[in-house]
Amino acid sequence: MNNSHYFFREARGEDIDSIARLESLCHKTPRLKEQLLCDFSSPYSLFTVIGTGERIIAYTCTTLLMDELEIHSLGVSPIFRSRGIGLKLLCKTIDLAVKRGMHKAWLEVRVSNLAARRLYKRCGFREKGRRKRYYRDGEDALVLAKII
């Protein structure tokens, strides 16, 4: 990823429409805009974005609680995938969490989401467990974690 063409920052309220659009493009069971707004308004939330020009092309929705970063959602626009953007976004989000005192990061990921599983593995996440029938459609989730 050529950094001169992209910006990284914490999300702002006006970014929620773009995040909701990406959420619907990137996830089998996306969260609704209202859910994203509710999460965003929490004092424990950390939403981050990567964009180009005025366009947001990737996002994370996370929670900072105690000393843990919980990653709820990460999405990269389909036309910007395979450029290292997801890895860069994940690493920068983790860096922000560390600066805020977080020591562990964790998430759930669909067993079938091989691309996301590869991304998280490249970032150092390791499988810690499985949640049977975790998703609405009955698919299992893998629990991944790493010390940060």
N, C-alpha and C. Protein backbone atom coordinates (compact mmCIF):
# COMPACT_ATOMS: atom_id res chain seq x y z
N MET A 1 0.85 -1.19 0.00
CA MET A 1 0.00 0.00 0.00
C MET A 1 0.88 1.23 0.00
N ASN A 2 0.71 2.09 -0.95
CA ASN A 2 1.44 3.34 -1.04
C ASN A 2 0.77 4.37 -0.13
N ASN A 3 1.44 4.71 0.95
CA ASN A 3 0.84 5.59 1.97
C ASN A 3 0.49 6.98 1.46
N SER A 4 1.13 7.44 0.37
CA SER A 4 0.86 8.80 -0.10
C SER A 4 -0.55 8.94 -0.69
N HIS A 5 -1.18 7.84 -1.04
CA HIS A 5 -2.50 7.90 -1.64
C HIS A 5 -3.64 7.65 -0.64
N TYR A 6 -3.32 7.28 0.59
CA TYR A 6 -4.33 6.88 1.55
C TYR A 6 -4.19 7.68 2.85
N PHE A 7 -5.31 7.89 3.51
CA PHE A 7 -5.27 8.48 4.86
C PHE A 7 -5.82 7.45 5.85
N PHE A 8 -5.34 7.54 7.08
CA PHE A 8 -5.83 6.74 8.20
C PHE A 8 -6.22 7.70 9.31
N ARG A 9 -7.36 7.43 9.93
CA ARG A 9 -7.79 8.27 11.06
C ARG A 9 -8.89 7.56 11.82
N GLU A 10 -9.16 8.08 13.01
CA GLU A 10 -10.35 7.64 13.73
C GLU A 10 -11.58 8.13 12.97
N ALA A 11 -12.61 7.31 12.98
CA ALA A 11 -13.84 7.67 12.28
C ALA A 11 -14.54 8.82 12.98
N ARG A 12 -15.30 9.56 12.20
CA ARG A 12 -16.13 10.65 12.70
C ARG A 12 -17.59 10.31 12.44
N GLY A 13 -18.48 11.02 13.08
CA GLY A 13 -19.90 10.75 12.92
C GLY A 13 -20.37 10.75 11.48
N GLU A 14 -19.83 11.65 10.68
CA GLU A 14 -20.24 11.72 9.28
C GLU A 14 -19.75 10.53 8.45
N ASP A 15 -18.90 9.68 9.03
CA ASP A 15 -18.40 8.48 8.33
C ASP A 15 -19.34 7.28 8.45
N ILE A 16 -20.34 7.37 9.30
CA ILE A 16 -21.18 6.19 9.57
C ILE A 16 -21.90 5.69 8.32
N ASP A 17 -22.35 6.58 7.45
CA ASP A 17 -23.01 6.12 6.22
C ASP A 17 -22.05 5.28 5.37
N SER A 18 -20.82 5.75 5.23
CA SER A 18 -19.82 5.00 4.45
C SER A 18 -19.49 3.68 5.12
N ILE A 19 -19.37 3.69 6.43
CA ILE A 19 -19.07 2.45 7.17
C ILE A 19 -20.22 1.46 7.00
N ALA A 20 -21.46 1.94 7.11
CA ALA A 20 -22.62 1.06 6.94
C ALA A 20 -22.67 0.48 5.53
N ARG A 21 -22.34 1.28 4.53
CA ARG A 21 -22.32 0.79 3.15
C ARG A 21 -21.27 -0.31 3.00
N LEU A 22 -20.08 -0.07 3.53
CA LEU A 22 -19.02 -1.08 3.46
C LEU A 22 -19.38 -2.33 4.25
N GLU A 23 -20.00 -2.13 5.40
CA GLU A 23 -20.43 -3.27 6.23
C GLU A 23 -21.36 -4.18 5.41
N SER A 24 -22.27 -3.58 4.65
CA SER A 24 -23.20 -4.38 3.86
C SER A 24 -22.51 -5.05 2.68
N LEU A 25 -21.46 -4.46 2.16
CA LEU A 25 -20.70 -5.07 1.06
C LEU A 25 -19.77 -6.18 1.53
N CYS A 26 -19.32 -6.09 2.77
CA CYS A 26 -18.24 -6.95 3.24
C CYS A 26 -18.68 -8.13 4.10
N HIS A 27 -19.89 -8.11 4.64
CA HIS A 27 -20.27 -9.13 5.61
C HIS A 27 -21.57 -9.83 5.24
N LYS A 28 -21.58 -11.11 5.52
CA LYS A 28 -22.74 -11.95 5.24
C LYS A 28 -23.96 -11.52 6.06
N THR A 29 -23.74 -11.15 7.30
CA THR A 29 -24.81 -10.65 8.17
C THR A 29 -24.38 -9.28 8.73
N PRO A 30 -24.51 -8.25 7.90
CA PRO A 30 -24.03 -6.92 8.32
C PRO A 30 -24.88 -6.32 9.44
N ARG A 31 -24.22 -5.50 10.23
CA ARG A 31 -24.97 -4.74 11.23
C ARG A 31 -25.64 -3.55 10.56
N LEU A 32 -26.79 -3.18 11.05
CA LEU A 32 -27.54 -2.06 10.51
C LEU A 32 -26.89 -0.74 10.91
N LYS A 33 -27.17 0.30 10.15
CA LYS A 33 -26.64 1.62 10.45
C LYS A 33 -26.98 2.04 11.88
N GLU A 34 -28.20 1.73 12.33
CA GLU A 34 -28.61 2.10 13.69
C GLU A 34 -27.74 1.41 14.74
N GLN A 35 -27.38 0.15 14.49
CA GLN A 35 -26.50 -0.58 15.41
C GLN A 35 -25.11 0.06 15.42
N LEU A 36 -24.62 0.41 14.23
CA LEU A 36 -23.31 1.05 14.13
C LEU A 36 -23.30 2.39 14.87
N LEU A 37 -24.37 3.17 14.71
CA LEU A 37 -24.47 4.46 15.40
C LEU A 37 -24.46 4.28 16.92
N CYS A 38 -25.18 3.27 17.38
CA CYS A 38 -25.23 2.99 18.82
C CYS A 38 -23.83 2.62 19.32
N ASP A 39 -23.16 1.73 18.60
CA ASP A 39 -21.80 1.34 18.99
C ASP A 39 -20.86 2.54 18.95
N PHE A 40 -20.96 3.33 17.89
CA PHE A 40 -20.09 4.48 17.71
C PHE A 40 -20.22 5.48 18.85
N SER A 41 -21.42 5.61 19.38
CA SER A 41 -21.67 6.60 20.44
C SER A 41 -21.15 6.15 21.81
N SER A 42 -20.73 4.90 21.93
CA SER A 42 -20.21 4.41 23.20
C SER A 42 -18.85 5.04 23.51
N PRO A 43 -18.62 5.40 24.76
CA PRO A 43 -17.31 5.96 25.12
C PRO A 43 -16.19 4.92 25.02
N TYR A 44 -16.55 3.67 24.87
CA TYR A 44 -15.56 2.59 24.78
C TYR A 44 -15.25 2.19 23.34
N SER A 45 -15.90 2.83 22.38
CA SER A 45 -15.70 2.42 20.99
C SER A 45 -14.47 3.09 20.39
N LEU A 46 -13.90 2.40 19.42
CA LEU A 46 -12.83 2.95 18.59
C LEU A 46 -13.13 2.48 17.17
N PHE A 47 -13.58 3.40 16.33
CA PHE A 47 -13.81 3.11 14.92
C PHE A 47 -12.68 3.80 14.16
N THR A 48 -12.09 3.10 13.21
CA THR A 48 -11.03 3.69 12.39
C THR A 48 -11.36 3.49 10.93
N VAL A 49 -10.78 4.36 10.09
CA VAL A 49 -11.02 4.28 8.66
C VAL A 49 -9.73 4.52 7.89
N ILE A 50 -9.69 3.95 6.70
CA ILE A 50 -8.68 4.29 5.70
C ILE A 50 -9.46 4.77 4.49
N GLY A 51 -8.95 5.81 3.86
CA GLY A 51 -9.62 6.33 2.69
C GLY A 51 -8.64 6.86 1.66
N THR A 52 -9.20 7.24 0.55
CA THR A 52 -8.43 7.87 -0.52
C THR A 52 -9.26 9.04 -1.03
N GLY A 53 -8.65 10.19 -1.12
CA GLY A 53 -9.41 11.39 -1.47
C GLY A 53 -10.46 11.62 -0.41
N GLU A 54 -11.71 11.70 -0.80
CA GLU A 54 -12.82 11.88 0.13
C GLU A 54 -13.54 10.56 0.45
N ARG A 55 -13.07 9.46 -0.12
CA ARG A 55 -13.77 8.18 -0.05
C ARG A 55 -13.17 7.25 1.00
N ILE A 56 -14.03 6.74 1.88
CA ILE A 56 -13.60 5.73 2.85
C ILE A 56 -13.67 4.37 2.18
N ILE A 57 -12.56 3.64 2.26
CA ILE A 57 -12.47 2.35 1.56
C ILE A 57 -12.30 1.16 2.51
N ALA A 58 -12.08 1.44 3.79
CA ALA A 58 -11.93 0.37 4.77
C ALA A 58 -12.21 0.94 6.16
N TYR A 59 -12.63 0.06 7.05
CA TYR A 59 -12.99 0.50 8.39
C TYR A 59 -12.78 -0.63 9.41
N THR A 60 -12.67 -0.25 10.67
CA THR A 60 -12.77 -1.18 11.79
C THR A 60 -13.78 -0.62 12.78
N CYS A 61 -14.50 -1.52 13.43
CA CYS A 61 -15.38 -1.18 14.54
C CYS A 61 -14.88 -2.01 15.72
N THR A 62 -14.41 -1.34 16.76
CA THR A 62 -13.83 -2.05 17.90
C THR A 62 -14.32 -1.45 19.20
N THR A 63 -14.07 -2.19 20.27
CA THR A 63 -14.36 -1.73 21.62
C THR A 63 -13.10 -1.85 22.46
N LEU A 64 -12.84 -0.83 23.28
CA LEU A 64 -11.74 -0.85 24.23
C LEU A 64 -12.34 -1.01 25.61
N LEU A 65 -12.07 -2.12 26.25
CA LEU A 65 -12.66 -2.37 27.56
C LEU A 65 -11.61 -2.99 28.47
N MET A 66 -11.46 -2.41 29.63
CA MET A 66 -10.42 -2.79 30.56
C MET A 66 -9.09 -2.66 29.82
N ASP A 67 -8.40 -3.76 29.57
CA ASP A 67 -7.14 -3.69 28.81
C ASP A 67 -7.20 -4.50 27.52
N GLU A 68 -8.42 -4.68 26.99
CA GLU A 68 -8.60 -5.50 25.80
C GLU A 68 -9.25 -4.73 24.66
N LEU A 69 -8.77 -5.02 23.47
CA LEU A 69 -9.36 -4.52 22.24
C LEU A 69 -10.18 -5.64 21.65
N GLU A 70 -11.49 -5.43 21.53
CA GLU A 70 -12.35 -6.41 20.87
C GLU A 70 -12.68 -5.88 19.48
N ILE A 71 -12.32 -6.64 18.47
CA ILE A 71 -12.58 -6.25 17.09
C ILE A 71 -13.92 -6.85 16.68
N HIS A 72 -14.89 -5.97 16.44
CA HIS A 72 -16.22 -6.41 16.05
C HIS A 72 -16.34 -6.58 14.55
N SER A 73 -15.71 -5.69 13.82
CA SER A 73 -15.89 -5.71 12.38
C SER A 73 -14.72 -5.01 11.71
N LEU A 74 -14.31 -5.58 10.59
CA LEU A 74 -13.29 -4.98 9.73
C LEU A 74 -13.75 -5.25 8.31
N GLY A 75 -13.71 -4.23 7.49
CA GLY A 75 -14.11 -4.42 6.10
C GLY A 75 -13.29 -3.55 5.17
N VAL A 76 -13.00 -4.11 4.00
CA VAL A 76 -12.30 -3.39 2.94
C VAL A 76 -13.17 -3.46 1.69
N SER A 77 -13.37 -2.34 1.05
CA SER A 77 -14.14 -2.31 -0.19
C SER A 77 -13.63 -3.38 -1.14
N PRO A 78 -14.53 -4.15 -1.74
CA PRO A 78 -14.10 -5.23 -2.63
C PRO A 78 -13.13 -4.78 -3.73
N ILE A 79 -13.28 -3.57 -4.25
CA ILE A 79 -12.38 -3.15 -5.33
C ILE A 79 -10.99 -2.72 -4.83
N PHE A 80 -10.82 -2.62 -3.51
CA PHE A 80 -9.52 -2.25 -2.94
C PHE A 80 -8.84 -3.41 -2.20
N ARG A 81 -9.37 -4.60 -2.33
CA ARG A 81 -8.79 -5.75 -1.64
C ARG A 81 -7.50 -6.21 -2.32
N SER A 82 -6.71 -6.98 -1.57
CA SER A 82 -5.44 -7.54 -2.05
C SER A 82 -4.40 -6.46 -2.33
N ARG A 83 -4.46 -5.37 -1.58
CA ARG A 83 -3.47 -4.29 -1.69
C ARG A 83 -2.78 -4.02 -0.36
N GLY A 84 -3.05 -4.85 0.65
CA GLY A 84 -2.45 -4.65 1.96
C GLY A 84 -3.18 -3.65 2.83
N ILE A 85 -4.32 -3.17 2.39
CA ILE A 85 -5.06 -2.14 3.13
C ILE A 85 -5.62 -2.70 4.43
N GLY A 86 -6.18 -3.90 4.39
CA GLY A 86 -6.73 -4.50 5.60
C GLY A 86 -5.67 -4.71 6.66
N LEU A 87 -4.50 -5.18 6.26
CA LEU A 87 -3.40 -5.40 7.22
C LEU A 87 -2.93 -4.07 7.79
N LYS A 88 -2.78 -3.07 6.94
CA LYS A 88 -2.35 -1.75 7.41
C LYS A 88 -3.37 -1.17 8.39
N LEU A 89 -4.65 -1.29 8.07
CA LEU A 89 -5.70 -0.78 8.94
C LEU A 89 -5.69 -1.50 10.28
N LEU A 90 -5.57 -2.81 10.24
CA LEU A 90 -5.56 -3.59 11.47
C LEU A 90 -4.35 -3.21 12.34
N CYS A 91 -3.18 -3.11 11.74
CA CYS A 91 -1.97 -2.76 12.50
C CYS A 91 -2.08 -1.36 13.11
N LYS A 92 -2.57 -0.41 12.33
CA LYS A 92 -2.71 0.96 12.85
C LYS A 92 -3.76 1.05 13.96
N THR A 93 -4.83 0.29 13.83
CA THR A 93 -5.86 0.26 14.87
C THR A 93 -5.29 -0.33 16.15
N ILE A 94 -4.54 -1.40 16.02
CA ILE A 94 -3.90 -2.01 17.19
C ILE A 94 -2.92 -1.04 17.83
N ASP A 95 -2.15 -0.32 17.02
CA ASP A 95 -1.23 0.69 17.56
C ASP A 95 -1.97 1.73 18.39
N LEU A 96 -3.11 2.20 17.90
CA LEU A 96 -3.91 3.16 18.67
C LEU A 96 -4.38 2.55 19.99
N ALA A 97 -4.80 1.29 19.94
CA ALA A 97 -5.27 0.62 21.15
C ALA A 97 -4.15 0.48 22.17
N VAL A 98 -2.96 0.15 21.72
CA VAL A 98 -1.81 0.04 22.62
C VAL A 98 -1.54 1.38 23.29
N LYS A 99 -1.60 2.46 22.51
CA LYS A 99 -1.39 3.80 23.06
C LYS A 99 -2.44 4.15 24.12
N ARG A 100 -3.58 3.47 24.07
CA ARG A 100 -4.65 3.70 25.05
C ARG A 100 -4.64 2.65 26.16
N GLY A 101 -3.56 1.89 26.25
CA GLY A 101 -3.39 0.97 27.37
C GLY A 101 -3.88 -0.45 27.17
N MET A 102 -4.24 -0.81 25.95
CA MET A 102 -4.72 -2.18 25.70
C MET A 102 -3.53 -3.15 25.61
N HIS A 103 -3.74 -4.39 26.09
CA HIS A 103 -2.68 -5.40 26.11
C HIS A 103 -3.04 -6.67 25.36
N LYS A 104 -4.30 -6.81 24.99
CA LYS A 104 -4.75 -8.01 24.29
C LYS A 104 -5.78 -7.59 23.26
N ALA A 105 -5.77 -8.28 22.12
CA ALA A 105 -6.79 -8.07 21.10
C ALA A 105 -7.44 -9.41 20.79
N TRP A 106 -8.75 -9.37 20.55
CA TRP A 106 -9.44 -10.62 20.22
C TRP A 106 -10.65 -10.34 19.33
N LEU A 107 -11.16 -11.40 18.71
CA LEU A 107 -12.28 -11.28 17.79
C LEU A 107 -12.86 -12.64 17.51
N GLU A 108 -14.03 -12.64 16.90
CA GLU A 108 -14.62 -13.85 16.34
C GLU A 108 -14.64 -13.68 14.83
N VAL A 109 -14.39 -14.80 14.12
CA VAL A 109 -14.41 -14.78 12.66
C VAL A 109 -15.10 -16.04 12.17
N ARG A 110 -15.87 -15.92 11.10
CA ARG A 110 -16.53 -17.09 10.52
C ARG A 110 -15.49 -18.12 10.10
N VAL A 111 -15.79 -19.37 10.38
CA VAL A 111 -14.91 -20.47 9.97
C VAL A 111 -14.68 -20.41 8.46
N SER A 112 -15.71 -20.05 7.70
CA SER A 112 -15.63 -20.03 6.23
C SER A 112 -14.90 -18.82 5.66
N ASN A 113 -14.60 -17.82 6.48
CA ASN A 113 -13.98 -16.58 5.98
C ASN A 113 -12.47 -16.74 5.93
N LEU A 114 -12.01 -17.45 4.92
CA LEU A 114 -10.58 -17.77 4.81
C LEU A 114 -9.71 -16.54 4.60
N ALA A 115 -10.20 -15.57 3.84
CA ALA A 115 -9.41 -14.35 3.61
C ALA A 115 -9.17 -13.61 4.92
N ALA A 116 -10.21 -13.45 5.73
CA ALA A 116 -10.06 -12.78 7.02
C ALA A 116 -9.16 -13.58 7.95
N ARG A 117 -9.32 -14.88 7.96
CA ARG A 117 -8.48 -15.72 8.81
C ARG A 117 -7.01 -15.58 8.43
N ARG A 118 -6.70 -15.49 7.13
CA ARG A 118 -5.31 -15.30 6.68
C ARG A 118 -4.80 -13.93 7.14
N LEU A 119 -5.64 -12.91 7.01
CA LEU A 119 -5.26 -11.57 7.44
C LEU A 119 -4.91 -11.56 8.93
N TYR A 120 -5.78 -12.13 9.74
CA TYR A 120 -5.54 -12.12 11.19
C TYR A 120 -4.32 -12.94 11.55
N LYS A 121 -4.09 -14.04 10.87
CA LYS A 121 -2.90 -14.85 11.12
C LYS A 121 -1.64 -14.05 10.78
N ARG A 122 -1.66 -13.33 9.65
CA ARG A 122 -0.50 -12.50 9.27
C ARG A 122 -0.22 -11.43 10.32
N CYS A 123 -1.25 -11.01 11.02
CA CYS A 123 -1.09 -9.99 12.06
C CYS A 123 -0.74 -10.59 13.41
N GLY A 124 -0.64 -11.92 13.49
CA GLY A 124 -0.22 -12.56 14.74
C GLY A 124 -1.32 -13.12 15.60
N PHE A 125 -2.55 -13.10 15.13
CA PHE A 125 -3.65 -13.69 15.90
C PHE A 125 -3.58 -15.21 15.83
N ARG A 126 -3.95 -15.85 16.92
CA ARG A 126 -3.96 -17.31 16.99
C ARG A 126 -5.32 -17.79 17.49
N GLU A 127 -5.70 -18.97 17.04
CA GLU A 127 -6.98 -19.54 17.43
C GLU A 127 -6.96 -19.92 18.90
N LYS A 128 -8.00 -19.49 19.62
CA LYS A 128 -8.12 -19.76 21.06
C LYS A 128 -9.36 -20.58 21.39
N GLY A 129 -10.28 -20.70 20.42
CA GLY A 129 -11.49 -21.47 20.69
C GLY A 129 -12.44 -21.39 19.53
N ARG A 130 -13.59 -22.00 19.72
CA ARG A 130 -14.64 -22.04 18.70
C ARG A 130 -15.98 -21.84 19.39
N ARG A 131 -16.82 -21.00 18.78
CA ARG A 131 -18.18 -20.80 19.27
C ARG A 131 -19.11 -21.50 18.28
N LYS A 132 -19.71 -22.58 18.74
CA LYS A 132 -20.61 -23.37 17.90
C LYS A 132 -21.86 -22.57 17.54
N ARG A 133 -22.23 -22.61 16.29
CA ARG A 133 -23.46 -21.98 15.78
C ARG A 133 -23.58 -20.51 16.23
N TYR A 134 -22.49 -19.80 16.20
CA TYR A 134 -22.41 -18.43 16.70
C TYR A 134 -23.23 -17.44 15.85
N TYR A 135 -23.18 -17.62 14.54
CA TYR A 135 -23.85 -16.67 13.66
C TYR A 135 -25.30 -17.07 13.42
N ARG A 136 -26.11 -16.08 13.04
CA ARG A 136 -27.55 -16.31 12.83
C ARG A 136 -27.85 -17.46 11.88
N ASP A 137 -26.98 -17.67 10.92
CA ASP A 137 -27.20 -18.75 9.95
C ASP A 137 -26.68 -20.10 10.43
N GLY A 138 -26.17 -20.15 11.67
CA GLY A 138 -25.72 -21.41 12.26
C GLY A 138 -24.25 -21.71 12.08
N GLU A 139 -23.53 -20.87 11.37
CA GLU A 139 -22.09 -21.10 11.17
C GLU A 139 -21.32 -20.88 12.46
N ASP A 140 -20.28 -21.69 12.66
CA ASP A 140 -19.38 -21.53 13.81
C ASP A 140 -18.48 -20.32 13.63
N ALA A 141 -18.01 -19.80 14.76
CA ALA A 141 -17.01 -18.75 14.77
C ALA A 141 -15.76 -19.27 15.44
N LEU A 142 -14.62 -18.84 14.94
CA LEU A 142 -13.35 -19.10 15.61
C LEU A 142 -13.05 -17.87 16.47
N VAL A 143 -12.57 -18.11 17.68
CA VAL A 143 -12.12 -17.02 18.54
C VAL A 143 -10.61 -16.90 18.35
N LEU A 144 -10.17 -15.72 17.94
CA LEU A 144 -8.75 -15.47 17.72
C LEU A 144 -8.29 -14.38 18.68
N ALA A 145 -7.05 -14.47 19.12
CA ALA A 145 -6.53 -13.48 20.06
C ALA A 145 -5.02 -13.31 19.87
N LYS A 146 -4.53 -12.21 20.39
CA LYS A 146 -3.08 -11.97 20.41
C LYS A 146 -2.77 -10.97 21.52
N ILE A 147 -1.59 -11.10 22.05
CA ILE A 147 -1.08 -10.12 23.01
C ILE A 147 -0.52 -8.96 22.19
N ILE A 148 -0.85 -7.72 22.61
CA ILE A 148 -0.40 -6.55 21.84
C ILE A 148 0.46 -5.64 22.70
